N, C-alpha and C. Protein backbone atom coordinates (compact mmCIF):
# COMPACT_ATOMS: atom_id res chain seq x y z
N UNK A 1 136.31 80.84 66.24
CA UNK A 1 135.66 82.01 66.81
C UNK A 1 134.63 82.58 65.85
N UNK A 2 134.98 82.60 64.55
CA UNK A 2 134.06 83.11 63.54
C UNK A 2 132.85 82.22 63.42
N UNK A 3 133.03 80.90 63.64
CA UNK A 3 131.92 79.97 63.56
C UNK A 3 130.90 80.26 64.67
N UNK A 4 131.40 80.59 65.86
CA UNK A 4 130.49 80.90 66.98
C UNK A 4 129.69 82.16 66.70
N UNK A 5 130.34 83.21 66.19
CA UNK A 5 129.62 84.47 65.92
C UNK A 5 128.60 84.25 64.81
N UNK A 6 128.93 83.43 63.78
CA UNK A 6 127.96 83.14 62.73
C UNK A 6 126.77 82.36 63.30
N UNK A 7 127.06 81.42 64.20
CA UNK A 7 126.01 80.64 64.83
C UNK A 7 125.05 81.56 65.60
N UNK A 8 125.61 82.50 66.39
CA UNK A 8 124.78 83.39 67.19
C UNK A 8 124.02 84.38 66.31
N UNK A 9 124.64 84.81 65.21
CA UNK A 9 123.93 85.70 64.28
C UNK A 9 122.76 84.96 63.65
N UNK A 10 123.00 83.71 63.24
CA UNK A 10 121.93 82.91 62.67
C UNK A 10 120.83 82.64 63.67
N UNK A 11 121.21 82.35 64.91
CA UNK A 11 120.23 82.13 65.97
C UNK A 11 119.41 83.38 66.23
N UNK A 12 120.06 84.52 66.22
CA UNK A 12 119.36 85.79 66.43
C UNK A 12 118.38 86.05 65.30
N UNK A 13 118.80 85.79 64.06
CA UNK A 13 117.95 85.98 62.90
C UNK A 13 116.74 85.05 62.97
N UNK A 14 116.97 83.78 63.31
CA UNK A 14 115.89 82.82 63.43
C UNK A 14 114.92 83.23 64.54
N UNK A 15 115.47 83.68 65.68
CA UNK A 15 114.63 84.13 66.79
C UNK A 15 113.78 85.32 66.40
N UNK A 16 114.35 86.25 65.64
CA UNK A 16 113.60 87.43 65.20
C UNK A 16 112.48 87.03 64.26
N UNK A 17 112.75 86.10 63.34
CA UNK A 17 111.72 85.64 62.41
C UNK A 17 110.58 84.95 63.15
N UNK A 18 110.92 84.08 64.10
CA UNK A 18 109.88 83.38 64.86
C UNK A 18 109.07 84.34 65.71
N UNK A 19 109.74 85.34 66.25
CA UNK A 19 109.03 86.35 67.04
C UNK A 19 108.02 87.09 66.18
N UNK A 20 108.41 87.46 64.96
CA UNK A 20 107.50 88.16 64.05
C UNK A 20 106.32 87.27 63.67
N UNK A 21 106.59 85.98 63.42
CA UNK A 21 105.50 85.05 63.10
C UNK A 21 104.52 84.93 64.27
N UNK A 22 105.07 84.78 65.46
CA UNK A 22 104.23 84.64 66.64
C UNK A 22 103.43 85.92 66.89
N UNK A 23 104.04 87.08 66.72
CA UNK A 23 103.32 88.34 66.89
C UNK A 23 102.19 88.46 65.87
N UNK A 24 102.45 88.00 64.63
CA UNK A 24 101.41 88.03 63.60
C UNK A 24 100.24 87.14 63.97
N UNK A 25 100.52 85.92 64.48
CA UNK A 25 99.45 85.02 64.90
C UNK A 25 98.65 85.61 66.05
N UNK A 26 99.34 86.23 66.99
CA UNK A 26 98.65 86.85 68.13
C UNK A 26 97.76 87.99 67.64
N UNK A 27 98.25 88.80 66.72
CA UNK A 27 97.45 89.90 66.17
C UNK A 27 96.20 89.36 65.47
N UNK A 28 96.37 88.28 64.70
CA UNK A 28 95.21 87.68 64.04
C UNK A 28 94.18 87.18 65.04
N UNK A 29 94.65 86.57 66.13
CA UNK A 29 93.73 86.09 67.15
C UNK A 29 93.02 87.25 67.85
N UNK A 30 93.77 88.34 68.09
CA UNK A 30 93.16 89.49 68.76
C UNK A 30 92.15 90.19 67.86
N UNK A 31 92.32 90.07 66.55
CA UNK A 31 91.38 90.68 65.62
C UNK A 31 90.17 89.79 65.36
N UNK A 32 90.17 88.56 65.87
CA UNK A 32 89.07 87.63 65.70
C UNK A 32 87.98 87.95 66.71
N UNK A 33 86.89 88.55 66.25
CA UNK A 33 85.82 89.01 67.13
C UNK A 33 85.16 87.84 67.87
N UNK A 34 84.96 86.73 67.20
CA UNK A 34 84.31 85.58 67.83
C UNK A 34 85.13 85.06 69.01
N UNK A 35 86.44 85.00 68.83
CA UNK A 35 87.31 84.54 69.91
C UNK A 35 87.26 85.49 71.10
N UNK A 36 87.26 86.79 70.82
CA UNK A 36 87.20 87.77 71.91
C UNK A 36 85.87 87.68 72.66
N UNK A 37 84.77 87.48 71.94
CA UNK A 37 83.47 87.36 72.60
C UNK A 37 83.42 86.10 73.46
N UNK A 38 83.98 85.00 72.94
CA UNK A 38 84.00 83.75 73.72
C UNK A 38 84.84 83.93 74.99
N UNK A 39 85.99 84.59 74.86
CA UNK A 39 86.84 84.83 76.03
C UNK A 39 86.13 85.73 77.03
N UNK A 40 85.40 86.73 76.54
CA UNK A 40 84.66 87.62 77.42
C UNK A 40 83.57 86.85 78.17
N UNK A 41 82.86 85.96 77.47
CA UNK A 41 81.82 85.15 78.12
C UNK A 41 82.42 84.27 79.21
N UNK A 42 83.56 83.65 78.91
CA UNK A 42 84.21 82.79 79.90
C UNK A 42 84.66 83.62 81.11
N UNK A 43 85.14 84.83 80.85
CA UNK A 43 85.59 85.69 81.95
C UNK A 43 84.41 86.07 82.84
N UNK A 44 83.24 86.31 82.22
CA UNK A 44 82.06 86.67 83.01
C UNK A 44 81.64 85.53 83.93
N UNK A 45 81.90 84.29 83.49
CA UNK A 45 81.57 83.15 84.34
C UNK A 45 82.46 83.08 85.57
N UNK A 46 83.61 83.71 85.51
CA UNK A 46 84.56 83.68 86.63
C UNK A 46 84.27 84.75 87.68
N UNK A 47 83.47 85.74 87.34
CA UNK A 47 83.18 86.85 88.25
C UNK A 47 82.61 86.38 89.59
N UNK A 48 81.62 85.48 89.62
CA UNK A 48 81.10 85.03 90.92
C UNK A 48 82.17 84.34 91.77
N UNK A 49 83.04 83.58 91.13
CA UNK A 49 84.11 82.93 91.88
C UNK A 49 85.05 83.96 92.49
N UNK A 50 85.38 84.95 91.72
CA UNK A 50 86.28 86.00 92.22
C UNK A 50 85.62 86.72 93.40
N UNK A 51 84.34 87.01 93.27
CA UNK A 51 83.63 87.68 94.37
C UNK A 51 83.61 86.82 95.62
N UNK A 52 83.39 85.50 95.46
CA UNK A 52 83.40 84.61 96.62
C UNK A 52 84.78 84.58 97.27
N UNK A 53 85.82 84.58 96.45
CA UNK A 53 87.18 84.58 97.01
C UNK A 53 87.46 85.87 97.77
N UNK A 54 87.00 87.01 97.24
CA UNK A 54 87.19 88.28 97.94
C UNK A 54 86.45 88.30 99.26
N UNK A 55 85.22 87.78 99.26
CA UNK A 55 84.45 87.73 100.51
C UNK A 55 85.12 86.82 101.53
N UNK A 56 85.60 85.67 101.06
CA UNK A 56 86.29 84.74 101.97
C UNK A 56 87.56 85.39 102.53
N UNK A 57 88.26 86.12 101.69
CA UNK A 57 89.48 86.80 102.14
C UNK A 57 89.16 87.84 103.20
N UNK A 58 88.09 88.60 102.98
CA UNK A 58 87.71 89.62 103.97
C UNK A 58 87.28 88.98 105.28
N UNK A 59 86.54 87.87 105.21
CA UNK A 59 86.14 87.17 106.43
C UNK A 59 87.36 86.66 107.18
N UNK A 60 88.30 86.08 106.43
CA UNK A 60 89.51 85.57 107.07
C UNK A 60 90.36 86.70 107.65
N UNK A 61 90.35 87.84 106.98
CA UNK A 61 91.16 88.95 107.48
C UNK A 61 90.64 89.42 108.84
N UNK A 62 89.34 89.34 109.02
CA UNK A 62 88.77 89.73 110.31
C UNK A 62 89.16 88.72 111.38
N UNK A 63 89.03 87.44 111.04
CA UNK A 63 89.36 86.39 112.01
C UNK A 63 90.85 86.35 112.33
N UNK A 64 91.69 86.48 111.29
CA UNK A 64 93.13 86.34 111.49
C UNK A 64 93.83 87.67 111.74
N UNK A 65 93.07 88.75 111.70
CA UNK A 65 93.58 90.08 112.00
C UNK A 65 94.74 90.48 111.08
N UNK A 66 94.53 90.36 109.77
CA UNK A 66 95.50 90.86 108.81
C UNK A 66 94.77 91.80 107.85
N UNK A 67 95.49 92.74 107.27
CA UNK A 67 94.84 93.76 106.43
C UNK A 67 94.40 93.22 105.08
N UNK A 68 93.32 93.79 104.57
CA UNK A 68 92.86 93.43 103.23
C UNK A 68 93.44 94.42 102.23
N UNK A 69 93.15 94.18 100.98
CA UNK A 69 93.63 95.08 99.92
C UNK A 69 93.05 96.49 100.13
N UNK A 70 91.81 96.56 100.57
CA UNK A 70 91.18 97.86 100.84
C UNK A 70 91.90 98.58 101.97
N UNK A 71 92.29 97.84 103.01
CA UNK A 71 93.01 98.45 104.13
C UNK A 71 94.34 99.03 103.67
N UNK A 72 95.06 98.28 102.85
CA UNK A 72 96.35 98.75 102.36
C UNK A 72 96.16 99.96 101.46
N UNK A 73 95.10 99.96 100.65
CA UNK A 73 94.82 101.11 99.79
C UNK A 73 94.52 102.35 100.65
N UNK A 74 93.79 102.16 101.73
CA UNK A 74 93.50 103.28 102.63
C UNK A 74 94.76 103.83 103.27
N UNK A 75 95.65 102.94 103.68
CA UNK A 75 96.93 103.38 104.26
C UNK A 75 97.74 104.13 103.21
N UNK A 76 97.73 103.64 101.98
CA UNK A 76 98.48 104.30 100.91
C UNK A 76 97.95 105.71 100.68
N UNK A 77 96.63 105.88 100.70
CA UNK A 77 96.05 107.22 100.54
C UNK A 77 96.48 108.15 101.67
N UNK A 78 96.49 107.62 102.89
CA UNK A 78 96.92 108.43 104.03
C UNK A 78 98.39 108.83 103.91
N UNK A 79 99.22 107.91 103.43
CA UNK A 79 100.64 108.21 103.25
C UNK A 79 100.81 109.31 102.21
N UNK A 80 100.06 109.23 101.13
CA UNK A 80 100.15 110.26 100.09
C UNK A 80 99.73 111.61 100.65
N UNK A 81 98.65 111.65 101.42
CA UNK A 81 98.20 112.90 102.04
C UNK A 81 99.27 113.45 102.97
N UNK A 82 99.90 112.57 103.74
CA UNK A 82 100.95 112.99 104.66
C UNK A 82 102.14 113.58 103.90
N UNK A 83 102.54 112.93 102.81
CA UNK A 83 103.65 113.44 102.02
C UNK A 83 103.33 114.80 101.43
N UNK A 84 102.08 115.00 100.99
CA UNK A 84 101.68 116.31 100.47
C UNK A 84 101.77 117.38 101.55
N UNK A 85 101.33 117.04 102.76
CA UNK A 85 101.41 118.00 103.86
C UNK A 85 102.86 118.32 104.20
N UNK A 86 103.72 117.31 104.18
CA UNK A 86 105.14 117.53 104.45
C UNK A 86 105.74 118.44 103.39
N UNK A 87 105.38 118.21 102.13
CA UNK A 87 105.89 119.07 101.05
C UNK A 87 105.44 120.51 101.25
N UNK A 88 104.18 120.70 101.67
CA UNK A 88 103.70 122.06 101.92
C UNK A 88 104.47 122.71 103.07
N UNK A 89 104.75 121.94 104.12
CA UNK A 89 105.53 122.47 105.24
C UNK A 89 106.94 122.85 104.80
N UNK A 90 107.55 121.99 103.98
CA UNK A 90 108.89 122.31 103.48
C UNK A 90 108.88 123.59 102.66
N UNK A 91 107.85 123.75 101.82
CA UNK A 91 107.74 124.97 101.03
C UNK A 91 107.61 126.20 101.93
N UNK A 92 106.80 126.07 102.98
CA UNK A 92 106.65 127.18 103.92
C UNK A 92 107.98 127.51 104.60
N UNK A 93 108.72 126.47 104.96
CA UNK A 93 110.02 126.69 105.60
C UNK A 93 110.99 127.37 104.66
N UNK A 94 111.03 126.91 103.42
CA UNK A 94 111.92 127.52 102.44
C UNK A 94 111.52 128.96 102.16
N UNK A 95 110.22 129.19 102.06
CA UNK A 95 109.73 130.54 101.83
C UNK A 95 110.10 131.45 102.99
N UNK A 96 109.95 130.93 104.22
CA UNK A 96 110.28 131.71 105.40
C UNK A 96 111.78 131.98 105.47
N UNK A 97 112.58 130.98 105.13
CA UNK A 97 114.04 131.12 105.20
C UNK A 97 114.56 132.06 104.11
N UNK A 98 114.09 131.85 102.87
CA UNK A 98 114.59 132.64 101.76
C UNK A 98 113.98 134.04 101.72
N UNK A 99 112.67 134.10 101.77
CA UNK A 99 111.99 135.38 101.64
C UNK A 99 111.81 136.09 102.95
N UNK A 100 111.91 135.36 104.05
CA UNK A 100 111.70 135.92 105.38
C UNK A 100 110.40 136.71 105.40
N UNK A 101 109.32 136.10 104.92
CA UNK A 101 108.03 136.74 104.75
C UNK A 101 107.47 137.25 106.07
N UNK A 102 107.70 136.54 107.14
CA UNK A 102 107.09 136.88 108.42
C UNK A 102 107.93 137.88 109.23
N UNK A 103 108.85 138.54 108.59
CA UNK A 103 109.68 139.51 109.30
C UNK A 103 110.95 138.86 109.79
N UNK A 104 111.66 139.51 110.71
CA UNK A 104 112.91 138.97 111.23
C UNK A 104 112.63 137.78 112.12
N UNK A 105 113.32 136.68 111.82
CA UNK A 105 113.15 135.47 112.62
C UNK A 105 114.04 135.53 113.84
N UNK A 106 113.51 135.10 114.95
CA UNK A 106 114.32 135.04 116.15
C UNK A 106 115.05 133.72 116.19
N UNK A 107 115.94 133.57 117.15
CA UNK A 107 116.70 132.34 117.31
C UNK A 107 115.77 131.18 117.60
N UNK A 108 114.74 131.43 118.39
CA UNK A 108 113.78 130.38 118.72
C UNK A 108 113.06 129.89 117.46
N UNK A 109 112.68 130.81 116.57
CA UNK A 109 112.01 130.42 115.33
C UNK A 109 112.93 129.55 114.48
N UNK A 110 114.23 129.90 114.46
CA UNK A 110 115.17 129.11 113.67
C UNK A 110 115.34 127.72 114.26
N UNK A 111 115.40 127.62 115.59
CA UNK A 111 115.50 126.30 116.22
C UNK A 111 114.25 125.47 115.94
N UNK A 112 113.07 126.13 116.00
CA UNK A 112 111.83 125.41 115.70
C UNK A 112 111.82 124.91 114.26
N UNK A 113 112.29 125.73 113.34
CA UNK A 113 112.35 125.32 111.93
C UNK A 113 113.31 124.15 111.76
N UNK A 114 114.47 124.22 112.44
CA UNK A 114 115.44 123.13 112.36
C UNK A 114 114.84 121.85 112.93
N UNK A 115 114.14 121.96 114.05
CA UNK A 115 113.49 120.81 114.66
C UNK A 115 112.44 120.22 113.73
N UNK A 116 111.69 121.09 113.07
CA UNK A 116 110.67 120.64 112.13
C UNK A 116 111.31 119.91 110.95
N UNK A 117 112.43 120.43 110.44
CA UNK A 117 113.13 119.76 109.34
C UNK A 117 113.60 118.37 109.76
N UNK A 118 114.10 118.24 110.99
CA UNK A 118 114.52 116.93 111.48
C UNK A 118 113.34 115.98 111.57
N UNK A 119 112.20 116.49 112.03
CA UNK A 119 111.00 115.65 112.11
C UNK A 119 110.58 115.20 110.71
N UNK A 120 110.69 116.10 109.75
CA UNK A 120 110.33 115.76 108.37
C UNK A 120 111.25 114.67 107.85
N UNK A 121 112.55 114.81 108.10
CA UNK A 121 113.50 113.78 107.65
C UNK A 121 113.19 112.43 108.29
N UNK A 122 112.89 112.46 109.59
CA UNK A 122 112.57 111.21 110.29
C UNK A 122 111.30 110.59 109.72
N UNK A 123 110.31 111.42 109.38
CA UNK A 123 109.07 110.88 108.85
C UNK A 123 109.30 110.30 107.46
N UNK A 124 110.22 110.89 106.69
CA UNK A 124 110.55 110.32 105.37
C UNK A 124 111.22 108.97 105.53
N UNK A 125 112.10 108.86 106.53
CA UNK A 125 112.72 107.56 106.78
C UNK A 125 111.65 106.55 107.18
N UNK A 126 110.70 107.01 107.98
CA UNK A 126 109.60 106.14 108.38
C UNK A 126 108.75 105.72 107.20
N UNK A 127 108.60 106.63 106.21
CA UNK A 127 107.81 106.26 105.03
C UNK A 127 108.53 105.19 104.22
N UNK A 128 109.87 105.20 104.21
CA UNK A 128 110.61 104.13 103.53
C UNK A 128 110.36 102.80 104.23
N UNK A 129 110.34 102.84 105.56
CA UNK A 129 110.02 101.63 106.31
C UNK A 129 108.59 101.19 106.03
N UNK A 130 107.70 102.18 105.87
CA UNK A 130 106.31 101.88 105.57
C UNK A 130 106.19 101.21 104.21
N UNK A 131 106.99 101.65 103.23
CA UNK A 131 106.97 101.01 101.91
C UNK A 131 107.36 99.54 102.03
N UNK A 132 108.40 99.27 102.82
CA UNK A 132 108.80 97.89 103.04
C UNK A 132 107.70 97.09 103.71
N UNK A 133 107.04 97.70 104.69
CA UNK A 133 105.94 97.03 105.37
C UNK A 133 104.79 96.76 104.41
N UNK A 134 104.50 97.73 103.53
CA UNK A 134 103.42 97.55 102.56
C UNK A 134 103.73 96.39 101.63
N UNK A 135 105.00 96.27 101.21
CA UNK A 135 105.38 95.16 100.34
C UNK A 135 105.21 93.84 101.06
N UNK A 136 105.64 93.79 102.33
CA UNK A 136 105.47 92.55 103.08
C UNK A 136 103.98 92.21 103.24
N UNK A 137 103.16 93.24 103.49
CA UNK A 137 101.73 93.01 103.62
C UNK A 137 101.13 92.51 102.31
N UNK A 138 101.56 93.11 101.20
CA UNK A 138 101.05 92.68 99.89
C UNK A 138 101.44 91.24 99.61
N UNK A 139 102.68 90.88 99.93
CA UNK A 139 103.11 89.49 99.73
C UNK A 139 102.27 88.55 100.60
N UNK A 140 102.04 88.93 101.85
CA UNK A 140 101.24 88.11 102.75
C UNK A 140 99.81 87.95 102.22
N UNK A 141 99.25 89.07 101.71
CA UNK A 141 97.90 89.02 101.18
C UNK A 141 97.82 88.12 99.96
N UNK A 142 98.82 88.20 99.08
CA UNK A 142 98.80 87.34 97.90
C UNK A 142 98.84 85.87 98.30
N UNK A 143 99.69 85.54 99.26
CA UNK A 143 99.75 84.16 99.73
C UNK A 143 98.43 83.75 100.37
N UNK A 144 97.82 84.65 101.13
CA UNK A 144 96.55 84.35 101.78
C UNK A 144 95.44 84.14 100.75
N UNK A 145 95.46 84.95 99.68
CA UNK A 145 94.44 84.78 98.64
C UNK A 145 94.60 83.44 97.95
N UNK A 146 95.85 83.04 97.74
CA UNK A 146 96.08 81.73 97.13
C UNK A 146 95.54 80.62 98.04
N UNK A 147 95.76 80.78 99.34
CA UNK A 147 95.26 79.78 100.28
C UNK A 147 93.74 79.80 100.35
N UNK A 148 93.14 81.01 100.31
CA UNK A 148 91.69 81.10 100.41
C UNK A 148 91.02 80.52 99.16
N UNK A 149 91.71 80.53 98.02
CA UNK A 149 91.15 79.93 96.81
C UNK A 149 91.04 78.42 96.96
N UNK A 150 91.80 77.85 97.89
CA UNK A 150 91.78 76.41 98.09
C UNK A 150 90.82 76.01 99.21
N UNK A 151 90.18 76.97 99.84
CA UNK A 151 89.24 76.68 100.93
C UNK A 151 87.95 76.09 100.36
N UNK A 152 87.22 75.31 101.15
CA UNK A 152 85.94 74.78 100.66
C UNK A 152 84.95 75.91 100.44
N UNK A 153 84.05 75.72 99.50
CA UNK A 153 83.04 76.73 99.20
C UNK A 153 81.89 76.59 100.19
N UNK A 154 81.31 77.70 100.61
CA UNK A 154 80.20 77.70 101.53
C UNK A 154 78.96 78.20 100.81
N UNK A 155 77.82 77.65 101.18
CA UNK A 155 76.58 78.12 100.57
C UNK A 155 76.19 79.46 101.19
N UNK A 156 75.06 80.00 100.76
CA UNK A 156 74.67 81.34 101.21
C UNK A 156 74.41 81.41 102.71
N UNK A 157 74.15 80.26 103.37
CA UNK A 157 73.91 80.27 104.80
C UNK A 157 75.19 80.02 105.57
N UNK A 158 76.31 79.83 104.87
CA UNK A 158 77.59 79.64 105.53
C UNK A 158 77.77 78.27 106.15
N UNK A 159 77.06 77.26 105.64
CA UNK A 159 77.18 75.93 106.22
C UNK A 159 77.49 74.92 105.12
N UNK A 160 78.44 74.04 105.41
CA UNK A 160 78.68 72.90 104.54
C UNK A 160 79.30 73.25 103.22
N UNK A 161 79.68 72.22 102.50
CA UNK A 161 80.26 72.39 101.17
C UNK A 161 79.15 72.37 100.13
N UNK A 162 79.31 73.19 99.13
CA UNK A 162 78.41 73.10 97.99
C UNK A 162 79.20 72.56 96.83
N UNK A 163 78.70 71.65 96.14
CA UNK A 163 79.43 71.04 95.03
C UNK A 163 79.05 71.70 93.72
N UNK A 164 79.04 73.02 93.72
CA UNK A 164 78.67 73.75 92.52
C UNK A 164 79.87 74.07 91.69
């Protein structure tokens, strides 16, 4: 039993030493200005390809009727706005219930507030479903982008393959 614990302690020590060596090498590479400039130049060469892939994805999204990253971002913004409005409504309800700012509430007002709280709860449940839907959409989009990267390249007139 003692042999196993010594083995694992030695392995842990060796792993820590190798990790420090590797981190040192990575730091040296990151501090190498020439390497960073070369990597930046190579990255700039990839920009046109990325743009072509995004354009192809948007064209396919129109044809295949699936949302793009921009569409999902727009939905996310709308969800955030909706949640903010719900929070404001909840604050108004709490203020009305606790402070009774608007005077004595009638039974009808209390029923309306209860109904509104139920609607808020249902909309929160719906937002959880929306989160799941957004994840499924994101997964679908990632798969679609991978597929679109394998599509043939089209020239500026949209005809034929270009061997560029």
